[in-house]
C-alpha cells in the first residue's frame, strides 16, 4: 500500500511517498512562509504526483496556519483519491526521530506562540507519558526531567536547564515509518496546544 505523508505544522514543510515502509521519494524544506504553495508543488513532484491509498498528516501543535494547510491538503486529496486519511501529533514524530538517533525516553520541546514552548514527554516505546503543555521557557525547563531533549527549542532548553543532551530536530515526513502505529488517528481534529489568540466578544464574561 502506498502512503503519502504530509507535515507542514512547523517552519519545516515536507511530503513523502512510501510503498509499505520503503521511501519512494520525499521533499523537505525550511520555510518562513508560503507553505500552501510549496506543499502542493512538493506533492506534485513525487512519483505519480503523490497518489496513494493512504494519507497521513500532522495534526499539530505548531503554526495555526501550517496545521490548517496540511489538513486541508490531506482532506482534499483523500476525497479526490478516495484514500484513507489519518492524523498524528507533530511532537510524536519528533520523539520518534529522536529515539532513532538516541534510544530511550525523551522530552520534546518545540516553538510555541507568544514566546512559549510546547513540551511533552515520551517513553521509550514512543507513547506520550505526559500531557502536552505550552509553557514559558523557565517553566518548561523545570517540567522537562528527561536527559534527552529533542525539537526546535531543545538546545535552548538544555542550556537553560544546565544539563542533558539536545537533539535539534524538526518534523520530517520522510521519517514517518518511525512513528508507532498506535499514534495514528482517524479523528482529524487539529492539536493547537494552546487557546486561540482571538476571542468572541463577551467570551470571558
C-alpha atoms as a PDB file:
ATOM      1  CA  UNK A   1       0.000   0.000   0.000  1.00  0.00           C
ATOM      2  CA  UNK A   2       1.231   3.469  -0.851  1.00  0.00           C
ATOM      3  CA  UNK A   3       1.180   6.158   1.837  1.00  0.00           C
ATOM      4  CA  UNK A   4       1.565   9.892   1.343  1.00  0.00           C
ATOM      5  CA  UNK A   5       2.911  11.646   4.462  1.00  0.00           C
ATOM      6  CA  UNK A   6       2.446  15.400   4.917  1.00  0.00           C
ATOM      7  CA  UNK A   7       3.954  17.589   7.633  1.00  0.00           C
ATOM      8  CA  UNK A   8       3.842  21.385   7.495  1.00  0.00           C
ATOM      9  CA  UNK A   9       2.799  22.252  11.060  1.00  0.00           C
ATOM     10  CA  UNK A  10       6.138  23.967  11.782  1.00  0.00           C
ATOM     11  CA  UNK A  11       8.659  26.001   9.800  1.00  0.00           C
ATOM     12  CA  UNK A  12       9.637  22.699   8.186  1.00  0.00           C
ATOM     13  CA  UNK A  13       7.488  21.690   5.221  1.00  0.00           C
ATOM     14  CA  UNK A  14       7.751  18.123   3.951  1.00  0.00           C
ATOM     15  CA  UNK A  15       5.974  15.478   1.900  1.00  0.00           C
ATOM     16  CA  UNK A  16       6.989  11.883   1.268  1.00  0.00           C
ATOM     17  CA  UNK A  17       5.645   8.867  -0.586  1.00  0.00           C
ATOM     18  CA  UNK A  18       6.090   5.319   0.707  1.00  0.00           C
ATOM     19  CA  UNK A  19       5.481   1.821  -0.617  1.00  0.00           C
ATOM     20  CA  UNK A  20       4.863  -0.002   2.634  1.00  0.00           C
ATOM     21  CA  UNK A  21       7.636   1.390   4.856  1.00  0.00           C
ATOM     22  CA  UNK A  22      10.027   1.966   1.954  1.00  0.00           C
ATOM     23  CA  UNK A  23      10.583   5.599   0.992  1.00  0.00           C
ATOM     24  CA  UNK A  24       9.981   6.130  -2.740  1.00  0.00           C
ATOM     25  CA  UNK A  25      10.688   9.859  -2.747  1.00  0.00           C
ATOM     26  CA  UNK A  26      10.368  12.865  -0.464  1.00  0.00           C
ATOM     27  CA  UNK A  27      10.815  16.602  -0.159  1.00  0.00           C
ATOM     28  CA  UNK A  28      11.858  18.675   2.871  1.00  0.00           C
ATOM     29  CA  UNK A  29      12.425  22.424   3.185  1.00  0.00           C
ATOM     30  CA  UNK A  30      12.626  25.018   5.946  1.00  0.00           C
ATOM     31  CA  UNK A  31      10.246  27.848   5.033  1.00  0.00           C
ATOM     32  CA  UNK A  32       9.444  31.130   6.679  1.00  0.00           C
ATOM     33  CA  UNK A  33       6.126  31.308   4.856  1.00  0.00           C
ATOM     34  CA  UNK A  34       4.458  30.043   1.691  1.00  0.00           C
ATOM     35  CA  UNK A  35       3.711  26.539   2.978  1.00  0.00           C
ATOM     36  CA  UNK A  36       0.498  26.261   0.962  1.00  0.00           C
ATOM     37  CA  UNK A  37       2.171  26.981  -2.371  1.00  0.00           C
ATOM     38  CA  UNK A  38       5.236  24.831  -1.707  1.00  0.00           C
ATOM     39  CA  UNK A  39       3.372  21.851  -0.233  1.00  0.00           C
ATOM     40  CA  UNK A  40       1.214  21.423  -3.336  1.00  0.00           C
ATOM     41  CA  UNK A  41       4.319  21.563  -5.536  1.00  0.00           C
ATOM     42  CA  UNK A  42       6.170  19.097  -3.318  1.00  0.00           C
ATOM     43  CA  UNK A  43       3.381  16.557  -3.611  1.00  0.00           C
ATOM     44  CA  UNK A  44       3.156  17.039  -7.391  1.00  0.00           C
ATOM     45  CA  UNK A  45       6.898  16.335  -7.682  1.00  0.00           C
ATOM     46  CA  UNK A  46       6.527  12.876  -6.114  1.00  0.00           C
ATOM     47  CA  UNK A  47       6.060   9.711  -8.239  1.00  0.00           C
ATOM     48  CA  UNK A  48       2.535   9.555  -9.622  1.00  0.00           C
ATOM     49  CA  UNK A  49       2.051  13.088  -8.242  1.00  0.00           C
ATOM     50  CA  UNK A  50       1.949  11.557  -4.781  1.00  0.00           C
ATOM     51  CA  UNK A  51      -1.163   9.489  -5.337  1.00  0.00           C
ATOM     52  CA  UNK A  52      -1.653   6.948  -2.545  1.00  0.00           C
ATOM     53  CA  UNK A  53      -4.246   4.712  -0.904  1.00  0.00           C
ATOM     54  CA  UNK A  54      -3.498   6.264   2.495  1.00  0.00           C
ATOM     55  CA  UNK A  55      -2.625   9.811   3.552  1.00  0.00           C
ATOM     56  CA  UNK A  56      -1.135  10.694   6.934  1.00  0.00           C
ATOM     57  CA  UNK A  57      -0.845  14.277   8.117  1.00  0.00           C
ATOM     58  CA  UNK A  58       0.466  16.150  11.134  1.00  0.00           C
ATOM     59  CA  UNK A  59      -2.301  17.438  13.424  1.00  0.00           C
ATOM     60  CA  UNK A  60      -0.047  19.851  15.330  1.00  0.00           C
ATOM     61  CA  UNK A  61       0.754  21.531  17.566  1.00  0.00           C
ATOM     62  CA  UNK A  62       2.617  24.175  15.660  1.00  0.00           C
ATOM     63  CA  UNK A  63       1.687  27.089  13.479  1.00  0.00           C
ATOM     64  CA  UNK A  64      -2.088  27.561  13.306  1.00  0.00           C
ATOM     65  CA  UNK A  65      -1.762  28.286   9.588  1.00  0.00           C
ATOM     66  CA  UNK A  66       0.583  25.381   8.909  1.00  0.00           C
ATOM     67  CA  UNK A  67      -1.654  22.883  10.702  1.00  0.00           C
ATOM     68  CA  UNK A  68      -4.687  24.029   8.717  1.00  0.00           C
ATOM     69  CA  UNK A  69      -2.813  23.935   5.395  1.00  0.00           C
ATOM     70  CA  UNK A  70      -1.688  20.360   5.944  1.00  0.00           C
ATOM     71  CA  UNK A  71      -5.123  19.175   6.997  1.00  0.00           C
ATOM     72  CA  UNK A  72      -6.842  20.925   4.103  1.00  0.00           C
ATOM     73  CA  UNK A  73      -4.475  19.330   1.592  1.00  0.00           C
ATOM     74  CA  UNK A  74      -4.850  15.864   3.136  1.00  0.00           C
ATOM     75  CA  UNK A  75      -8.639  16.055   3.217  1.00  0.00           C
ATOM     76  CA  UNK A  76      -8.889  17.336  -0.365  1.00  0.00           C
ATOM     77  CA  UNK A  77      -6.584  14.630  -1.724  1.00  0.00           C
ATOM     78  CA  UNK A  78      -8.337  11.998   0.347  1.00  0.00           C
ATOM     79  CA  UNK A  79     -11.646  12.911  -1.266  1.00  0.00           C
ATOM     80  CA  UNK A  80     -10.169  13.091  -4.774  1.00  0.00           C
ATOM     81  CA  UNK A  81      -8.327   9.765  -4.458  1.00  0.00           C
ATOM     82  CA  UNK A  82     -10.829   8.044  -2.156  1.00  0.00           C
ATOM     83  CA  UNK A  83      -7.937   7.466   0.197  1.00  0.00           C
ATOM     84  CA  UNK A  84      -7.938   6.841   3.927  1.00  0.00           C
ATOM     85  CA  UNK A  85      -6.772   9.923   5.842  1.00  0.00           C
ATOM     86  CA  UNK A  86      -5.165   9.628   9.290  1.00  0.00           C
ATOM     87  CA  UNK A  87      -3.524  12.160  11.573  1.00  0.00           C
ATOM     88  CA  UNK A  88      -0.664  12.075  14.049  1.00  0.00           C
ATOM     89  CA  UNK A  89       0.711  14.503  16.678  1.00  0.00           C
ATOM     90  CA  UNK A  90       3.655  16.581  15.499  1.00  0.00           C
ATOM     91  CA  UNK A  91       5.584  16.030  18.716  1.00  0.00           C
ATOM     92  CA  UNK A  92       5.179  12.242  18.417  1.00  0.00           C
ATOM     93  CA  UNK A  93       7.080  12.294  15.114  1.00  0.00           C
ATOM     94  CA  UNK A  94       9.868  14.406  16.617  1.00  0.00           C
ATOM     95  CA  UNK A  95      10.071  11.967  19.533  1.00  0.00           C
ATOM     96  CA  UNK A  96      10.274   9.024  17.119  1.00  0.00           C
ATOM     97  CA  UNK A  97      13.053  10.735  15.162  1.00  0.00           C
ATOM     98  CA  UNK A  98      14.921  11.371  18.419  1.00  0.00           C
ATOM     99  CA  UNK A  99      14.628   7.730  19.540  1.00  0.00           C
ATOM    100  CA  UNK A 100      16.077   6.572  16.213  1.00  0.00           C
ATOM    101  CA  UNK A 101      19.174   8.626  16.989  1.00  0.00           C
ATOM    102  CA  UNK A 102      19.289   8.153  20.752  1.00  0.00           C
ATOM    103  CA  UNK A 103      17.076   5.267  22.038  1.00  0.00           C
ATOM    104  CA  UNK A 104      15.106   5.810  25.216  1.00  0.00           C
ATOM    105  CA  UNK A 105      12.697   8.249  26.771  1.00  0.00           C
ATOM    106  CA  UNK A 106      12.708  11.826  25.509  1.00  0.00           C
ATOM    107  CA  UNK A 107      11.166  15.211  26.166  1.00  0.00           C
ATOM    108  CA  UNK A 108      10.142  17.115  23.042  1.00  0.00           C
ATOM    109  CA  UNK A 109      10.375  20.908  23.143  1.00  0.00           C
ATOM    110  CA  UNK A 110       9.132  22.926  20.176  1.00  0.00           C
ATOM    111  CA  UNK A 111       8.493  26.609  19.495  1.00  0.00           C
ATOM    112  CA  UNK A 112       5.026  27.696  20.520  1.00  0.00           C
ATOM    113  CA  UNK A 113       3.262  31.038  20.473  1.00  0.00           C
ATOM    114  CA  UNK A 114       3.866  34.233  22.440  1.00  0.00           C
ATOM    115  CA  UNK A 115       7.350  33.130  23.471  1.00  0.00           C
ATOM    116  CA  UNK A 116       6.155  29.861  24.992  1.00  0.00           C
ATOM    117  CA  UNK A 117       7.358  26.362  24.173  1.00  0.00           C
ATOM    118  CA  UNK A 118       5.344  23.206  23.515  1.00  0.00           C
ATOM    119  CA  UNK A 119       6.641  20.491  25.839  1.00  0.00           C
ATOM    120  CA  UNK A 120       5.693  16.810  26.123  1.00  0.00           C
ATOM    121  CA  UNK A 121       7.378  13.680  27.485  1.00  0.00           C
ATOM    122  CA  UNK A 122       7.526  10.370  25.613  1.00  0.00           C
ATOM    123  CA  UNK A 123       8.510   6.929  26.845  1.00  0.00           C
ATOM    124  CA  UNK A 124      10.965   4.540  25.243  1.00  0.00           C
ATOM    125  CA  UNK A 125       8.030   2.915  23.395  1.00  0.00           C
ATOM    126  CA  UNK A 126       7.153   6.190  21.676  1.00  0.00           C
ATOM    127  CA  UNK A 127       3.942   6.785  23.589  1.00  0.00           C
ATOM    128  CA  UNK A 128       3.241  10.081  25.331  1.00  0.00           C
ATOM    129  CA  UNK A 129       3.594   9.755  29.105  1.00  0.00           C
ATOM    130  CA  UNK A 130       2.518  13.271  29.944  1.00  0.00           C
ATOM    131  CA  UNK A 131       0.075  15.853  28.694  1.00  0.00           C
ATOM    132  CA  UNK A 132       1.070  18.395  26.078  1.00  0.00           C
ATOM    133  CA  UNK A 133       1.775  21.776  27.674  1.00  0.00           C
ATOM    134  CA  UNK A 134       2.518  25.273  26.399  1.00  0.00           C
ATOM    135  CA  UNK A 135       4.905  26.826  28.912  1.00  0.00           C
ATOM    136  CA  UNK A 136       7.185  29.799  29.405  1.00  0.00           C
ATOM    137  CA  UNK A 137      10.849  28.786  28.968  1.00  0.00           C
ATOM    138  CA  UNK A 138      11.624  28.738  32.697  1.00  0.00           C
ATOM    139  CA  UNK A 139       8.594  26.543  33.411  1.00  0.00           C
ATOM    140  CA  UNK A 140       9.485  24.271  30.501  1.00  0.00           C
ATOM    141  CA  UNK A 141      12.987  23.776  31.899  1.00  0.00           C
ATOM    142  CA  UNK A 142      11.503  22.743  35.249  1.00  0.00           C
ATOM    143  CA  UNK A 143       8.987  20.382  33.630  1.00  0.00           C
ATOM    144  CA  UNK A 144      11.494  18.632  31.351  1.00  0.00           C
ATOM    145  CA  UNK A 145      13.052  15.954  33.571  1.00  0.00           C
ATOM    146  CA  UNK A 146      14.406  13.569  30.920  1.00  0.00           C
ATOM    147  CA  UNK A 147      18.088  13.846  29.988  1.00  0.00           C
ATOM    148  CA  UNK A 148      17.346  13.740  26.237  1.00  0.00           C
ATOM    149  CA  UNK A 149      15.507  16.731  24.793  1.00  0.00           C
ATOM    150  CA  UNK A 150      14.525  16.953  21.112  1.00  0.00           C
ATOM    151  CA  UNK A 151      12.934  19.640  18.979  1.00  0.00           C
ATOM    152  CA  UNK A 152      13.405  23.148  17.691  1.00  0.00           C
ATOM    153  CA  UNK A 153      13.962  24.512  21.236  1.00  0.00           C
ATOM    154  CA  UNK A 154      15.935  21.537  22.572  1.00  0.00           C
ATOM    155  CA  UNK A 155      19.263  23.362  22.653  1.00  0.00           C
ATOM    156  CA  UNK A 156      17.730  26.399  24.373  1.00  0.00           C
ATOM    157  CA  UNK A 157      16.005  24.240  26.989  1.00  0.00           C
ATOM    158  CA  UNK A 158      19.142  22.211  27.767  1.00  0.00           C
ATOM    159  CA  UNK A 159      21.154  25.436  28.083  1.00  0.00           C
ATOM    160  CA  UNK A 160      18.539  26.930  30.391  1.00  0.00           C
ATOM    161  CA  UNK A 161      18.368  23.760  32.478  1.00  0.00           C
ATOM    162  CA  UNK A 162      22.111  23.341  32.544  1.00  0.00           C
ATOM    163  CA  UNK A 163      22.148  19.612  31.819  1.00  0.00           C
ATOM    164  CA  UNK A 164      21.156  16.967  29.296  1.00  0.00           C
ATOM    165  CA  UNK A 165      21.599  16.188  25.620  1.00  0.00           C
ATOM    166  CA  UNK A 166      19.884  18.293  22.959  1.00  0.00           C
ATOM    167  CA  UNK A 167      18.790  16.963  19.569  1.00  0.00           C
ATOM    168  CA  UNK A 168      17.825  19.895  17.352  1.00  0.00           C
ATOM    169  CA  UNK A 169      15.129  18.321  15.192  1.00  0.00           C
ATOM    170  CA  UNK A 170      12.163  19.462  13.131  1.00  0.00           C
ATOM    171  CA  UNK A 171       9.458  17.041  11.946  1.00  0.00           C
ATOM    172  CA  UNK A 172      10.226  15.381   8.620  1.00  0.00           C
ATOM    173  CA  UNK A 173       7.593  13.416   6.689  1.00  0.00           C
ATOM    174  CA  UNK A 174      10.364  11.276   5.200  1.00  0.00           C
ATOM    175  CA  UNK A 175      10.789   9.698   8.643  1.00  0.00           C
ATOM    176  CA  UNK A 176       7.114   8.801   9.047  1.00  0.00           C
ATOM    177  CA  UNK A 177       7.738   4.996   9.365  1.00  0.00           C
ATOM    178  CA  UNK A 178       9.468   5.655  12.710  1.00  0.00           C
ATOM    179  CA  UNK A 179       6.099   6.577  14.243  1.00  0.00           C
ATOM    180  CA  UNK A 180       4.407   3.943  16.432  1.00  0.00           C
ATOM    181  CA  UNK A 181       1.230   2.857  14.566  1.00  0.00           C
ATOM    182  CA  UNK A 182      -0.777   3.431  17.750  1.00  0.00           C
ATOM    183  CA  UNK A 183      -0.481   7.216  17.412  1.00  0.00           C
ATOM    184  CA  UNK A 184      -2.311   7.304  14.060  1.00  0.00           C
ATOM    185  CA  UNK A 185      -5.878   8.541  14.452  1.00  0.00           C
ATOM    186  CA  UNK A 186      -8.866   8.871  12.122  1.00  0.00           C
ATOM    187  CA  UNK A 187     -10.001  11.887  14.180  1.00  0.00           C
ATOM    188  CA  UNK A 188      -8.542  14.824  12.261  1.00  0.00           C
ATOM    189  CA  UNK A 189      -9.158  17.431  14.949  1.00  0.00           C
ATOM    190  CA  UNK A 190      -6.217  19.876  14.987  1.00  0.00           C
ATOM    191  CA  UNK A 191      -3.970  19.934  18.061  1.00  0.00           C
ATOM    192  CA  UNK A 192      -3.268  23.598  18.647  1.00  0.00           C
ATOM    193  CA  UNK A 193      -1.655  23.186  22.065  1.00  0.00           C
ATOM    194  CA  UNK A 194      -2.988  26.457  23.430  1.00  0.00           C
ATOM    195  CA  UNK A 195      -6.099  28.609  23.359  1.00  0.00           C
ATOM    196  CA  UNK A 196      -6.710  30.725  20.231  1.00  0.00           C
ATOM    197  CA  UNK A 197      -5.485  34.311  20.326  1.00  0.00           C
ATOM    198  CA  UNK A 198      -8.812  35.752  19.157  1.00  0.00           C
ATOM    199  CA  UNK A 199     -11.886  35.533  21.376  1.00  0.00           C
ATOM    200  CA  UNK A 200     -15.525  36.241  20.755  1.00  0.00           C
ATOM    201  CA  UNK A 201     -16.937  39.360  22.450  1.00  0.00           C
ATOM    202  CA  UNK A 202     -18.125  38.507  25.939  1.00  0.00           C
ATOM    203  CA  UNK A 203     -16.279  35.159  25.983  1.00  0.00           C
ATOM    204  CA  UNK A 204     -14.639  35.969  29.282  1.00  0.00           C
ATOM    205  CA  UNK A 205     -17.851  37.073  30.964  1.00  0.00           C
END
